[in-house]
């Protein structure tokens, strides 16, 4: 039986900036989502979807659903590690998962799961996932 290719996985780092926080210095939910999006965009490059390539093909990943669990707050000045990985692939959608941890104590702060589809613009039509992605099924 042939060995499956390991699914793409990536860890990014972010420092919590002033603009990521509320007046109490605690990170607000939108900032977590921005950090997750940064990780997913870089993960897409590993999957053959770099930014210039997406523009050339006019095909982009679109979030069709997201589940987020906020477990502990991050605060101003914290360094965060965001680990993202391709979790599953279907015919026309795929799922990526994320874990966000504070680097100073390795505490799990946030988990997230995104369902995505590839959309061709300007029509806004969904397209099948690339054939080469089957290796990660």
Protein backbone atom coordinates (compact mmCIF):
# COMPACT_ATOMS: atom_id res chain seq x y z
CA UNK A 1 0.00 0.00 0.00
CA UNK A 2 1.54 3.37 -0.99
CA UNK A 3 2.40 5.76 1.82
CA UNK A 4 0.25 8.89 2.01
CA UNK A 5 1.90 12.25 1.70
CA UNK A 6 1.91 14.20 4.94
CA UNK A 7 -0.68 16.94 4.90
CA UNK A 8 0.56 20.53 4.78
CA UNK A 9 1.22 22.08 8.20
CA UNK A 10 2.71 25.40 9.21
CA UNK A 11 3.40 27.48 12.30
CA UNK A 12 3.45 31.28 12.21
CA UNK A 13 4.30 33.77 14.96
CA UNK A 14 2.59 37.00 15.91
CA UNK A 15 3.29 39.57 18.60
CA UNK A 16 0.15 41.05 20.15
CA UNK A 17 0.18 44.73 19.23
CA UNK A 18 -1.77 47.61 20.71
CA UNK A 19 -4.22 47.59 17.78
CA UNK A 20 -5.02 43.91 18.54
CA UNK A 21 -6.36 44.71 22.01
CA UNK A 22 -9.22 46.39 23.78
CA UNK A 23 -8.76 49.14 26.39
CA UNK A 24 -7.85 46.48 29.00
CA UNK A 25 -4.97 45.12 26.91
CA UNK A 26 -6.80 41.86 26.07
CA UNK A 27 -6.86 40.63 22.47
CA UNK A 28 -10.24 41.03 20.77
CA UNK A 29 -11.80 38.30 18.64
CA UNK A 30 -11.18 40.00 15.30
CA UNK A 31 -7.42 40.03 15.96
CA UNK A 32 -7.40 36.26 16.54
CA UNK A 33 -9.19 35.77 13.22
CA UNK A 34 -6.67 38.01 11.43
CA UNK A 35 -3.79 35.94 12.83
CA UNK A 36 -5.50 32.72 11.75
CA UNK A 37 -6.02 34.16 8.26
CA UNK A 38 -2.31 35.00 8.03
CA UNK A 39 -1.41 31.42 8.95
CA UNK A 40 -3.93 30.00 6.46
CA UNK A 41 -2.69 32.24 3.65
CA UNK A 42 0.86 30.99 4.21
CA UNK A 43 -0.41 27.42 4.45
CA UNK A 44 -2.10 27.91 1.06
CA UNK A 45 1.33 28.60 -0.44
CA UNK A 46 2.42 25.12 0.64
CA UNK A 47 -0.66 23.79 -1.12
CA UNK A 48 0.32 25.44 -4.41
CA UNK A 49 -1.80 28.56 -3.99
CA UNK A 50 0.59 31.45 -3.56
CA UNK A 51 -0.82 34.96 -3.82
CA UNK A 52 0.47 35.76 -7.35
CA UNK A 53 -0.80 32.36 -8.57
CA UNK A 54 -4.25 32.99 -7.13
CA UNK A 55 -4.39 36.35 -8.91
CA UNK A 56 -3.25 34.80 -12.19
CA UNK A 57 -5.85 31.99 -12.01
CA UNK A 58 -8.51 34.25 -10.44
CA UNK A 59 -9.26 31.38 -8.03
CA UNK A 60 -9.30 32.06 -4.29
CA UNK A 61 -10.11 30.14 -1.11
CA UNK A 62 -13.31 31.40 0.49
CA UNK A 63 -14.28 30.66 4.08
CA UNK A 64 -17.73 29.06 4.11
CA UNK A 65 -17.78 28.27 7.81
CA UNK A 66 -15.68 28.72 10.93
CA UNK A 67 -15.81 27.39 14.47
CA UNK A 68 -13.67 29.17 17.06
CA UNK A 69 -13.16 28.26 20.71
CA UNK A 70 -11.62 30.98 22.87
CA UNK A 71 -10.01 29.19 25.81
CA UNK A 72 -7.77 31.82 27.44
CA UNK A 73 -7.03 35.46 26.60
CA UNK A 74 -3.84 36.73 25.03
CA UNK A 75 -2.59 40.13 26.17
CA UNK A 76 -0.61 43.05 24.86
CA UNK A 77 3.01 42.06 24.21
CA UNK A 78 2.44 38.28 24.18
CA UNK A 79 4.13 36.30 21.43
CA UNK A 80 1.76 33.76 19.91
CA UNK A 81 2.41 30.63 17.83
CA UNK A 82 -0.34 29.77 15.40
CA UNK A 83 -0.18 26.22 14.05
CA UNK A 84 -2.36 25.46 11.05
CA UNK A 85 -2.84 22.27 9.09
CA UNK A 86 -4.93 20.82 6.31
CA UNK A 87 -7.42 18.57 8.07
CA UNK A 88 -9.63 17.14 5.33
CA UNK A 89 -10.37 17.30 1.63
CA UNK A 90 -13.59 16.61 -0.20
CA UNK A 91 -14.55 17.12 -3.83
CA UNK A 92 -15.23 20.86 -3.63
CA UNK A 93 -14.32 21.86 -0.08
CA UNK A 94 -11.52 21.46 2.41
CA UNK A 95 -10.99 22.05 6.11
CA UNK A 96 -8.07 23.65 7.94
CA UNK A 97 -7.58 23.55 11.70
CA UNK A 98 -5.64 25.91 13.95
CA UNK A 99 -4.22 26.07 17.47
CA UNK A 100 -2.95 29.29 18.96
CA UNK A 101 -0.58 29.16 21.94
CA UNK A 102 1.21 31.77 24.03
CA UNK A 103 4.93 31.12 23.60
CA UNK A 104 5.98 32.08 27.14
CA UNK A 105 4.04 29.25 28.81
CA UNK A 106 2.70 27.14 25.90
CA UNK A 107 -0.90 27.67 27.07
CA UNK A 108 -3.55 26.87 24.47
CA UNK A 109 -5.52 30.07 23.84
CA UNK A 110 -7.65 29.44 20.77
CA UNK A 111 -8.67 26.55 18.53
CA UNK A 112 -10.38 27.04 15.18
CA UNK A 113 -11.69 25.00 12.28
CA UNK A 114 -12.39 26.57 8.90
CA UNK A 115 -14.37 25.05 6.03
CA UNK A 116 -13.34 26.49 2.69
CA UNK A 117 -14.15 26.26 -1.01
CA UNK A 118 -12.27 27.53 -4.03
CA UNK A 119 -14.11 30.31 -5.84
CA UNK A 120 -13.36 31.66 -9.32
CA UNK A 121 -13.83 35.40 -9.67
CA UNK A 122 -15.41 37.54 -10.95
CA UNK A 123 -18.17 34.94 -11.49
CA UNK A 124 -18.08 33.84 -7.84
CA UNK A 125 -18.48 30.21 -8.93
CA UNK A 126 -17.10 27.34 -6.86
CA UNK A 127 -14.54 25.12 -8.59
CA UNK A 128 -13.32 21.61 -7.87
CA UNK A 129 -10.23 21.28 -5.76
CA UNK A 130 -6.98 20.73 -7.70
CA UNK A 131 -6.33 17.12 -8.72
CA UNK A 132 -2.88 17.19 -7.07
CA UNK A 133 -4.53 17.70 -3.66
CA UNK A 134 -5.80 14.10 -3.76
CA UNK A 135 -2.42 13.01 -2.42
CA UNK A 136 -3.47 14.44 0.97
CA UNK A 137 -6.81 12.61 1.21
